Protein backbone atom coordinates (compact mmCIF):
# COMPACT_ATOMS: atom_id res chain seq x y z
CA UNK A 1 0.00 0.00 0.00
CA UNK A 2 1.24 3.47 -0.90
CA UNK A 3 0.61 4.89 2.58
CA UNK A 4 2.76 2.16 4.15
CA UNK A 5 5.62 2.85 1.73
CA UNK A 6 5.50 6.57 2.48
CA UNK A 7 5.30 5.97 6.23
CA UNK A 8 8.32 3.66 6.04
CA UNK A 9 10.32 6.30 4.16
CA UNK A 10 9.39 8.95 6.72
CA UNK A 11 10.27 6.72 9.67
CA UNK A 12 13.69 5.95 8.22
CA UNK A 13 14.74 9.46 7.20
CA UNK A 14 17.82 11.03 8.72
CA UNK A 15 16.65 13.42 11.42
CA UNK A 16 17.64 16.57 9.51
CA UNK A 17 15.53 15.54 6.49
CA UNK A 18 12.62 14.50 8.69
CA UNK A 19 12.75 17.85 10.49
CA UNK A 20 12.71 19.80 7.21
CA UNK A 21 9.85 17.72 5.78
CA UNK A 22 7.85 17.89 9.01
CA UNK A 23 8.40 21.65 9.25
CA UNK A 24 7.02 22.05 5.71
CA UNK A 25 4.16 19.66 6.46
CA UNK A 26 3.14 21.61 9.59
CA UNK A 27 3.20 24.87 7.65
CA UNK A 28 1.12 23.29 4.87
CA UNK A 29 -1.60 21.90 7.15
CA UNK A 30 -1.60 24.77 9.67
CA UNK A 31 -0.38 22.58 12.52
CA UNK A 32 1.72 24.04 15.30
CA UNK A 33 5.25 23.87 14.01
CA UNK A 34 8.34 22.37 15.60
CA UNK A 35 11.43 24.53 15.84
CA UNK A 36 15.07 24.00 16.68
CA UNK A 37 15.75 25.13 20.23
CA UNK A 38 18.35 27.65 19.05
CA UNK A 39 15.43 29.58 17.47
CA UNK A 40 13.53 29.92 20.77
CA UNK A 41 14.37 33.58 21.39
CA UNK A 42 13.54 34.44 17.79
CA UNK A 43 10.20 32.57 17.73
CA UNK A 44 8.97 33.31 21.24
CA UNK A 45 8.71 36.96 22.16
CA UNK A 46 11.41 36.93 24.82
CA UNK A 47 11.29 40.69 25.21
CA UNK A 48 8.48 39.96 27.67
CA UNK A 49 9.37 39.42 31.33
CA UNK A 50 10.81 35.94 31.92
CA UNK A 51 8.03 35.13 34.43
CA UNK A 52 5.49 35.65 31.66
CA UNK A 53 7.39 33.41 29.24
CA UNK A 54 8.04 30.82 31.96
CA UNK A 55 4.29 30.55 32.61
CA UNK A 56 3.88 29.29 29.04
CA UNK A 57 6.50 26.57 29.39
CA UNK A 58 5.53 23.01 30.22
CA UNK A 59 6.82 21.87 33.59
CA UNK A 60 9.28 19.49 31.93
CA UNK A 61 10.45 22.02 29.31
CA UNK A 62 14.19 21.68 28.91
CA UNK A 63 16.14 24.33 27.02
CA UNK A 64 18.84 21.70 26.39
CA UNK A 65 16.47 19.64 24.25
CA UNK A 66 16.87 19.80 20.48
CA UNK A 67 13.34 20.97 19.58
CA UNK A 68 10.41 22.94 20.96
CA UNK A 69 6.82 23.43 19.85
CA UNK A 70 3.59 24.99 21.03
CA UNK A 71 1.37 22.08 22.00
CA UNK A 72 -2.37 21.79 21.62
CA UNK A 73 -2.76 22.20 25.37
CA UNK A 74 -1.29 25.70 25.23
CA UNK A 75 2.23 25.05 26.54
CA UNK A 76 5.63 25.26 24.98
CA UNK A 77 6.94 21.70 25.02
CA UNK A 78 10.46 20.49 24.34
CA UNK A 79 11.83 17.20 23.08
CA UNK A 80 14.94 15.51 21.79
CA UNK A 81 12.91 12.92 19.92
CA UNK A 82 11.22 14.44 16.90
CA UNK A 83 9.51 11.14 16.13
CA UNK A 84 7.60 11.20 19.42
CA UNK A 85 5.51 14.16 18.24
CA UNK A 86 4.99 13.19 14.60
CA UNK A 87 1.87 11.33 13.60
CA UNK A 88 3.37 9.41 10.68
CA UNK A 89 0.00 8.01 9.60
CA UNK A 90 -1.53 11.48 9.29
CA UNK A 91 1.53 12.83 7.55
CA UNK A 92 1.59 9.96 5.03
CA UNK A 93 -2.12 10.34 4.32
CA UNK A 94 -1.74 14.09 3.82
CA UNK A 95 1.14 13.48 1.43
CA UNK A 96 -1.12 11.21 -0.62
CA UNK A 97 -4.19 13.45 -0.44
CA UNK A 98 -2.32 16.62 -1.37
CA UNK A 99 0.17 14.90 -3.67
CA UNK A 100 2.91 16.78 -1.85
CA UNK A 101 6.31 15.23 -1.22
CA UNK A 102 7.66 18.02 1.01
CA UNK A 103 10.94 17.93 -0.87
CA UNK A 104 11.59 14.21 -0.41
CA UNK A 105 12.64 12.60 -3.68
CA UNK A 106 11.76 9.02 -2.66
CA UNK A 107 8.23 10.12 -1.85
CA UNK A 108 8.00 12.16 -5.05
CA UNK A 109 8.95 9.02 -6.97
CA UNK A 110 6.18 7.06 -5.23
CA UNK A 111 3.61 9.77 -5.93
CA UNK A 112 4.64 9.91 -9.58
CA UNK A 113 4.57 6.12 -9.81
CA UNK A 114 1.11 5.98 -8.25
CA UNK A 115 -0.25 8.51 -10.74
CA UNK A 116 1.42 6.64 -13.56
CA UNK A 117 -0.09 3.32 -12.47
CA UNK A 118 -3.58 4.80 -12.12
CA UNK A 119 -3.42 6.39 -15.56
CA UNK A 120 -1.87 3.32 -17.13
CA UNK A 121 -4.54 1.06 -15.66
CA UNK A 122 -7.33 3.29 -16.98
CA UNK A 123 -5.85 3.27 -20.49
CA UNK A 124 -5.02 -0.43 -20.43
CA UNK A 125 -8.60 -1.41 -19.55
CA UNK A 126 -9.81 0.29 -22.73
CA UNK A 127 -7.63 -1.85 -25.03
CA UNK A 128 -9.02 -4.81 -26.92
CA UNK A 129 -8.07 -8.26 -25.64
CA UNK A 130 -5.87 -9.08 -28.63
CA UNK A 131 -3.73 -6.00 -28.06
CA UNK A 132 -3.47 -6.78 -24.34
CA UNK A 133 -2.28 -10.30 -25.20
CA UNK A 134 0.29 -8.87 -27.62
CA UNK A 135 1.61 -6.51 -24.94
CA UNK A 136 1.95 -9.36 -22.42
CA UNK A 137 3.88 -11.40 -25.01
CA UNK A 138 6.17 -8.53 -26.01
CA UNK A 139 7.09 -7.77 -22.43
CA UNK A 140 7.22 -11.43 -21.41
CA UNK A 141 4.80 -11.09 -18.49
CA UNK A 142 1.90 -13.26 -17.34
CA UNK A 143 -0.22 -10.87 -15.30
CA UNK A 144 -1.13 -7.23 -14.90
CA UNK A 145 0.99 -6.64 -11.76
CA UNK A 146 4.10 -7.87 -13.57
CA UNK A 147 3.18 -5.70 -16.53
CA UNK A 148 2.98 -2.59 -14.35
CA UNK A 149 6.34 -3.38 -12.80
CA UNK A 150 8.04 -3.86 -16.18
CA UNK A 151 6.46 -0.78 -17.75
CA UNK A 152 7.26 1.38 -14.74
CA UNK A 153 10.86 0.13 -14.68
CA UNK A 154 11.27 0.86 -18.39
CA UNK A 155 10.05 4.45 -18.17
CA UNK A 156 12.51 7.20 -18.83
CA UNK A 157 12.45 10.98 -18.77
CA UNK A 158 10.97 11.16 -22.26
CA UNK A 159 8.26 8.61 -21.48
CA UNK A 160 6.47 10.08 -18.48
CA UNK A 161 3.10 10.49 -20.13
CA UNK A 162 0.37 7.95 -19.76
CA UNK A 163 -0.26 4.87 -21.84
CA UNK A 164 -0.05 4.44 -24.83
CA UNK A 165 2.69 7.08 -25.16
CA UNK A 166 4.75 5.31 -22.49
CA UNK A 167 4.20 2.05 -24.30
CA UNK A 168 4.87 3.33 -27.82
CA UNK A 169 7.86 1.05 -28.22
CA UNK A 170 5.63 -2.00 -27.66
CA UNK A 171 3.25 -0.98 -30.41
CA UNK A 172 5.93 -0.41 -33.05
CA UNK A 173 5.60 -3.98 -34.30
CA UNK A 174 1.90 -4.46 -33.58
CA UNK A 175 -0.14 -4.75 -36.76
CA UNK A 176 -3.55 -5.63 -35.26
CA UNK A 177 -6.53 -6.62 -37.40
C-alpha atoms as a PDB file:
ATOM      1  CA  UNK A   1       0.000   0.000   0.000  1.00  0.00           C
ATOM      2  CA  UNK A   2       1.244   3.475  -0.899  1.00  0.00           C
ATOM      3  CA  UNK A   3       0.605   4.893   2.575  1.00  0.00           C
ATOM      4  CA  UNK A   4       2.755   2.161   4.148  1.00  0.00           C
ATOM      5  CA  UNK A   5       5.618   2.849   1.733  1.00  0.00           C
ATOM      6  CA  UNK A   6       5.501   6.565   2.483  1.00  0.00           C
ATOM      7  CA  UNK A   7       5.303   5.969   6.226  1.00  0.00           C
ATOM      8  CA  UNK A   8       8.325   3.664   6.044  1.00  0.00           C
ATOM      9  CA  UNK A   9      10.323   6.298   4.162  1.00  0.00           C
ATOM     10  CA  UNK A  10       9.388   8.949   6.724  1.00  0.00           C
ATOM     11  CA  UNK A  11      10.267   6.724   9.669  1.00  0.00           C
ATOM     12  CA  UNK A  12      13.689   5.951   8.216  1.00  0.00           C
ATOM     13  CA  UNK A  13      14.743   9.457   7.202  1.00  0.00           C
ATOM     14  CA  UNK A  14      17.821  11.031   8.720  1.00  0.00           C
ATOM     15  CA  UNK A  15      16.650  13.424  11.424  1.00  0.00           C
ATOM     16  CA  UNK A  16      17.639  16.567   9.510  1.00  0.00           C
ATOM     17  CA  UNK A  17      15.534  15.544   6.489  1.00  0.00           C
ATOM     18  CA  UNK A  18      12.624  14.503   8.691  1.00  0.00           C
ATOM     19  CA  UNK A  19      12.750  17.850  10.490  1.00  0.00           C
ATOM     20  CA  UNK A  20      12.714  19.797   7.211  1.00  0.00           C
ATOM     21  CA  UNK A  21       9.853  17.719   5.784  1.00  0.00           C
ATOM     22  CA  UNK A  22       7.853  17.889   9.014  1.00  0.00           C
ATOM     23  CA  UNK A  23       8.396  21.649   9.249  1.00  0.00           C
ATOM     24  CA  UNK A  24       7.020  22.054   5.707  1.00  0.00           C
ATOM     25  CA  UNK A  25       4.158  19.661   6.459  1.00  0.00           C
ATOM     26  CA  UNK A  26       3.141  21.606   9.589  1.00  0.00           C
ATOM     27  CA  UNK A  27       3.199  24.868   7.649  1.00  0.00           C
ATOM     28  CA  UNK A  28       1.117  23.294   4.872  1.00  0.00           C
ATOM     29  CA  UNK A  29      -1.603  21.900   7.146  1.00  0.00           C
ATOM     30  CA  UNK A  30      -1.597  24.767   9.669  1.00  0.00           C
ATOM     31  CA  UNK A  31      -0.382  22.575  12.519  1.00  0.00           C
ATOM     32  CA  UNK A  32       1.723  24.036  15.304  1.00  0.00           C
ATOM     33  CA  UNK A  33       5.252  23.871  14.012  1.00  0.00           C
ATOM     34  CA  UNK A  34       8.342  22.375  15.596  1.00  0.00           C
ATOM     35  CA  UNK A  35      11.433  24.531  15.842  1.00  0.00           C
ATOM     36  CA  UNK A  36      15.068  24.005  16.680  1.00  0.00           C
ATOM     37  CA  UNK A  37      15.752  25.127  20.230  1.00  0.00           C
ATOM     38  CA  UNK A  38      18.347  27.652  19.047  1.00  0.00           C
ATOM     39  CA  UNK A  39      15.431  29.577  17.475  1.00  0.00           C
ATOM     40  CA  UNK A  40      13.530  29.917  20.770  1.00  0.00           C
ATOM     41  CA  UNK A  41      14.366  33.580  21.389  1.00  0.00           C
ATOM     42  CA  UNK A  42      13.541  34.440  17.795  1.00  0.00           C
ATOM     43  CA  UNK A  43      10.202  32.567  17.730  1.00  0.00           C
ATOM     44  CA  UNK A  44       8.969  33.310  21.242  1.00  0.00           C
ATOM     45  CA  UNK A  45       8.711  36.957  22.159  1.00  0.00           C
ATOM     46  CA  UNK A  46      11.411  36.930  24.820  1.00  0.00           C
ATOM     47  CA  UNK A  47      11.288  40.686  25.207  1.00  0.00           C
ATOM     48  CA  UNK A  48       8.481  39.962  27.674  1.00  0.00           C
ATOM     49  CA  UNK A  49       9.374  39.416  31.327  1.00  0.00           C
ATOM     50  CA  UNK A  50      10.809  35.936  31.925  1.00  0.00           C
ATOM     51  CA  UNK A  51       8.026  35.126  34.428  1.00  0.00           C
ATOM     52  CA  UNK A  52       5.491  35.646  31.663  1.00  0.00           C
ATOM     53  CA  UNK A  53       7.392  33.406  29.240  1.00  0.00           C
ATOM     54  CA  UNK A  54       8.039  30.819  31.958  1.00  0.00           C
ATOM     55  CA  UNK A  55       4.287  30.550  32.606  1.00  0.00           C
ATOM     56  CA  UNK A  56       3.877  29.295  29.043  1.00  0.00           C
ATOM     57  CA  UNK A  57       6.495  26.570  29.393  1.00  0.00           C
ATOM     58  CA  UNK A  58       5.527  23.005  30.223  1.00  0.00           C
ATOM     59  CA  UNK A  59       6.820  21.873  33.593  1.00  0.00           C
ATOM     60  CA  UNK A  60       9.278  19.486  31.931  1.00  0.00           C
ATOM     61  CA  UNK A  61      10.446  22.016  29.314  1.00  0.00           C
ATOM     62  CA  UNK A  62      14.192  21.684  28.914  1.00  0.00           C
ATOM     63  CA  UNK A  63      16.142  24.332  27.018  1.00  0.00           C
ATOM     64  CA  UNK A  64      18.837  21.702  26.392  1.00  0.00           C
ATOM     65  CA  UNK A  65      16.467  19.637  24.247  1.00  0.00           C
ATOM     66  CA  UNK A  66      16.871  19.805  20.481  1.00  0.00           C
ATOM     67  CA  UNK A  67      13.337  20.972  19.585  1.00  0.00           C
ATOM     68  CA  UNK A  68      10.411  22.944  20.962  1.00  0.00           C
ATOM     69  CA  UNK A  69       6.817  23.430  19.852  1.00  0.00           C
ATOM     70  CA  UNK A  70       3.593  24.991  21.029  1.00  0.00           C
ATOM     71  CA  UNK A  71       1.372  22.078  21.999  1.00  0.00           C
ATOM     72  CA  UNK A  72      -2.370  21.789  21.620  1.00  0.00           C
ATOM     73  CA  UNK A  73      -2.762  22.195  25.368  1.00  0.00           C
ATOM     74  CA  UNK A  74      -1.292  25.698  25.234  1.00  0.00           C
ATOM     75  CA  UNK A  75       2.232  25.054  26.538  1.00  0.00           C
ATOM     76  CA  UNK A  76       5.635  25.259  24.979  1.00  0.00           C
ATOM     77  CA  UNK A  77       6.944  21.704  25.022  1.00  0.00           C
ATOM     78  CA  UNK A  78      10.460  20.487  24.337  1.00  0.00           C
ATOM     79  CA  UNK A  79      11.827  17.197  23.082  1.00  0.00           C
ATOM     80  CA  UNK A  80      14.941  15.507  21.794  1.00  0.00           C
ATOM     81  CA  UNK A  81      12.906  12.924  19.925  1.00  0.00           C
ATOM     82  CA  UNK A  82      11.224  14.443  16.901  1.00  0.00           C
ATOM     83  CA  UNK A  83       9.512  11.137  16.127  1.00  0.00           C
ATOM     84  CA  UNK A  84       7.596  11.195  19.422  1.00  0.00           C
ATOM     85  CA  UNK A  85       5.514  14.161  18.236  1.00  0.00           C
ATOM     86  CA  UNK A  86       4.993  13.189  14.598  1.00  0.00           C
ATOM     87  CA  UNK A  87       1.866  11.327  13.602  1.00  0.00           C
ATOM     88  CA  UNK A  88       3.374   9.409  10.685  1.00  0.00           C
ATOM     89  CA  UNK A  89      -0.004   8.012   9.602  1.00  0.00           C
ATOM     90  CA  UNK A  90      -1.532  11.484   9.287  1.00  0.00           C
ATOM     91  CA  UNK A  91       1.533  12.835   7.553  1.00  0.00           C
ATOM     92  CA  UNK A  92       1.587   9.956   5.033  1.00  0.00           C
ATOM     93  CA  UNK A  93      -2.125  10.335   4.318  1.00  0.00           C
ATOM     94  CA  UNK A  94      -1.742  14.087   3.821  1.00  0.00           C
ATOM     95  CA  UNK A  95       1.140  13.483   1.430  1.00  0.00           C
ATOM     96  CA  UNK A  96      -1.117  11.214  -0.623  1.00  0.00           C
ATOM     97  CA  UNK A  97      -4.193  13.450  -0.438  1.00  0.00           C
ATOM     98  CA  UNK A  98      -2.325  16.620  -1.366  1.00  0.00           C
ATOM     99  CA  UNK A  99       0.166  14.896  -3.670  1.00  0.00           C
ATOM    100  CA  UNK A 100       2.910  16.784  -1.848  1.00  0.00           C
ATOM    101  CA  UNK A 101       6.309  15.231  -1.219  1.00  0.00           C
ATOM    102  CA  UNK A 102       7.659  18.019   1.010  1.00  0.00           C
ATOM    103  CA  UNK A 103      10.936  17.934  -0.871  1.00  0.00           C
ATOM    104  CA  UNK A 104      11.588  14.209  -0.405  1.00  0.00           C
ATOM    105  CA  UNK A 105      12.636  12.599  -3.680  1.00  0.00           C
ATOM    106  CA  UNK A 106      11.758   9.020  -2.665  1.00  0.00           C
ATOM    107  CA  UNK A 107       8.226  10.120  -1.847  1.00  0.00           C
ATOM    108  CA  UNK A 108       8.001  12.161  -5.046  1.00  0.00           C
ATOM    109  CA  UNK A 109       8.947   9.021  -6.973  1.00  0.00           C
ATOM    110  CA  UNK A 110       6.182   7.058  -5.227  1.00  0.00           C
ATOM    111  CA  UNK A 111       3.612   9.774  -5.929  1.00  0.00           C
ATOM    112  CA  UNK A 112       4.639   9.905  -9.583  1.00  0.00           C
ATOM    113  CA  UNK A 113       4.569   6.123  -9.811  1.00  0.00           C
ATOM    114  CA  UNK A 114       1.107   5.978  -8.250  1.00  0.00           C
ATOM    115  CA  UNK A 115      -0.252   8.513 -10.736  1.00  0.00           C
ATOM    116  CA  UNK A 116       1.421   6.637 -13.562  1.00  0.00           C
ATOM    117  CA  UNK A 117      -0.091   3.319 -12.470  1.00  0.00           C
ATOM    118  CA  UNK A 118      -3.578   4.798 -12.118  1.00  0.00           C
ATOM    119  CA  UNK A 119      -3.422   6.395 -15.561  1.00  0.00           C
ATOM    120  CA  UNK A 120      -1.867   3.324 -17.133  1.00  0.00           C
ATOM    121  CA  UNK A 121      -4.539   1.056 -15.662  1.00  0.00           C
ATOM    122  CA  UNK A 122      -7.327   3.294 -16.983  1.00  0.00           C
ATOM    123  CA  UNK A 123      -5.849   3.275 -20.491  1.00  0.00           C
ATOM    124  CA  UNK A 124      -5.022  -0.428 -20.434  1.00  0.00           C
ATOM    125  CA  UNK A 125      -8.598  -1.406 -19.549  1.00  0.00           C
ATOM    126  CA  UNK A 126      -9.806   0.290 -22.730  1.00  0.00           C
ATOM    127  CA  UNK A 127      -7.632  -1.848 -25.030  1.00  0.00           C
ATOM    128  CA  UNK A 128      -9.019  -4.807 -26.922  1.00  0.00           C
ATOM    129  CA  UNK A 129      -8.069  -8.262 -25.636  1.00  0.00           C
ATOM    130  CA  UNK A 130      -5.871  -9.078 -28.634  1.00  0.00           C
ATOM    131  CA  UNK A 131      -3.730  -6.004 -28.064  1.00  0.00           C
ATOM    132  CA  UNK A 132      -3.471  -6.784 -24.338  1.00  0.00           C
ATOM    133  CA  UNK A 133      -2.283 -10.301 -25.204  1.00  0.00           C
ATOM    134  CA  UNK A 134       0.286  -8.873 -27.624  1.00  0.00           C
ATOM    135  CA  UNK A 135       1.609  -6.506 -24.936  1.00  0.00           C
ATOM    136  CA  UNK A 136       1.954  -9.361 -22.421  1.00  0.00           C
ATOM    137  CA  UNK A 137       3.876 -11.399 -25.011  1.00  0.00           C
ATOM    138  CA  UNK A 138       6.166  -8.526 -26.009  1.00  0.00           C
ATOM    139  CA  UNK A 139       7.086  -7.769 -22.426  1.00  0.00           C
ATOM    140  CA  UNK A 140       7.218 -11.434 -21.415  1.00  0.00           C
ATOM    141  CA  UNK A 141       4.798 -11.088 -18.494  1.00  0.00           C
ATOM    142  CA  UNK A 142       1.904 -13.261 -17.340  1.00  0.00           C
ATOM    143  CA  UNK A 143      -0.219 -10.872 -15.304  1.00  0.00           C
ATOM    144  CA  UNK A 144      -1.126  -7.233 -14.902  1.00  0.00           C
ATOM    145  CA  UNK A 145       0.988  -6.639 -11.765  1.00  0.00           C
ATOM    146  CA  UNK A 146       4.100  -7.869 -13.567  1.00  0.00           C
ATOM    147  CA  UNK A 147       3.184  -5.698 -16.533  1.00  0.00           C
ATOM    148  CA  UNK A 148       2.983  -2.587 -14.353  1.00  0.00           C
ATOM    149  CA  UNK A 149       6.345  -3.378 -12.798  1.00  0.00           C
ATOM    150  CA  UNK A 150       8.036  -3.861 -16.182  1.00  0.00           C
ATOM    151  CA  UNK A 151       6.465  -0.783 -17.751  1.00  0.00           C
ATOM    152  CA  UNK A 152       7.256   1.381 -14.740  1.00  0.00           C
ATOM    153  CA  UNK A 153      10.858   0.135 -14.685  1.00  0.00           C
ATOM    154  CA  UNK A 154      11.273   0.856 -18.391  1.00  0.00           C
ATOM    155  CA  UNK A 155      10.047   4.452 -18.173  1.00  0.00           C
ATOM    156  CA  UNK A 156      12.514   7.196 -18.831  1.00  0.00           C
ATOM    157  CA  UNK A 157      12.450  10.983 -18.765  1.00  0.00           C
ATOM    158  CA  UNK A 158      10.971  11.161 -22.259  1.00  0.00           C
ATOM    159  CA  UNK A 159       8.259   8.611 -21.476  1.00  0.00           C
ATOM    160  CA  UNK A 160       6.473  10.082 -18.477  1.00  0.00           C
ATOM    161  CA  UNK A 161       3.096  10.489 -20.129  1.00  0.00           C
ATOM    162  CA  UNK A 162       0.370   7.955 -19.758  1.00  0.00           C
ATOM    163  CA  UNK A 163      -0.259   4.870 -21.837  1.00  0.00           C
ATOM    164  CA  UNK A 164      -0.048   4.436 -24.828  1.00  0.00           C
ATOM    165  CA  UNK A 165       2.692   7.076 -25.157  1.00  0.00           C
ATOM    166  CA  UNK A 166       4.747   5.313 -22.495  1.00  0.00           C
ATOM    167  CA  UNK A 167       4.205   2.046 -24.305  1.00  0.00           C
ATOM    168  CA  UNK A 168       4.874   3.333 -27.822  1.00  0.00           C
ATOM    169  CA  UNK A 169       7.864   1.050 -28.223  1.00  0.00           C
ATOM    170  CA  UNK A 170       5.633  -2.005 -27.660  1.00  0.00           C
ATOM    171  CA  UNK A 171       3.246  -0.977 -30.413  1.00  0.00           C
ATOM    172  CA  UNK A 172       5.930  -0.411 -33.052  1.00  0.00           C
ATOM    173  CA  UNK A 173       5.605  -3.979 -34.302  1.00  0.00           C
ATOM    174  CA  UNK A 174       1.903  -4.464 -33.583  1.00  0.00           C
ATOM    175  CA  UNK A 175      -0.143  -4.746 -36.759  1.00  0.00           C
ATOM    176  CA  UNK A 176      -3.546  -5.626 -35.261  1.00  0.00           C
ATOM    177  CA  UNK A 177      -6.527  -6.625 -37.402  1.00  0.00           C
END
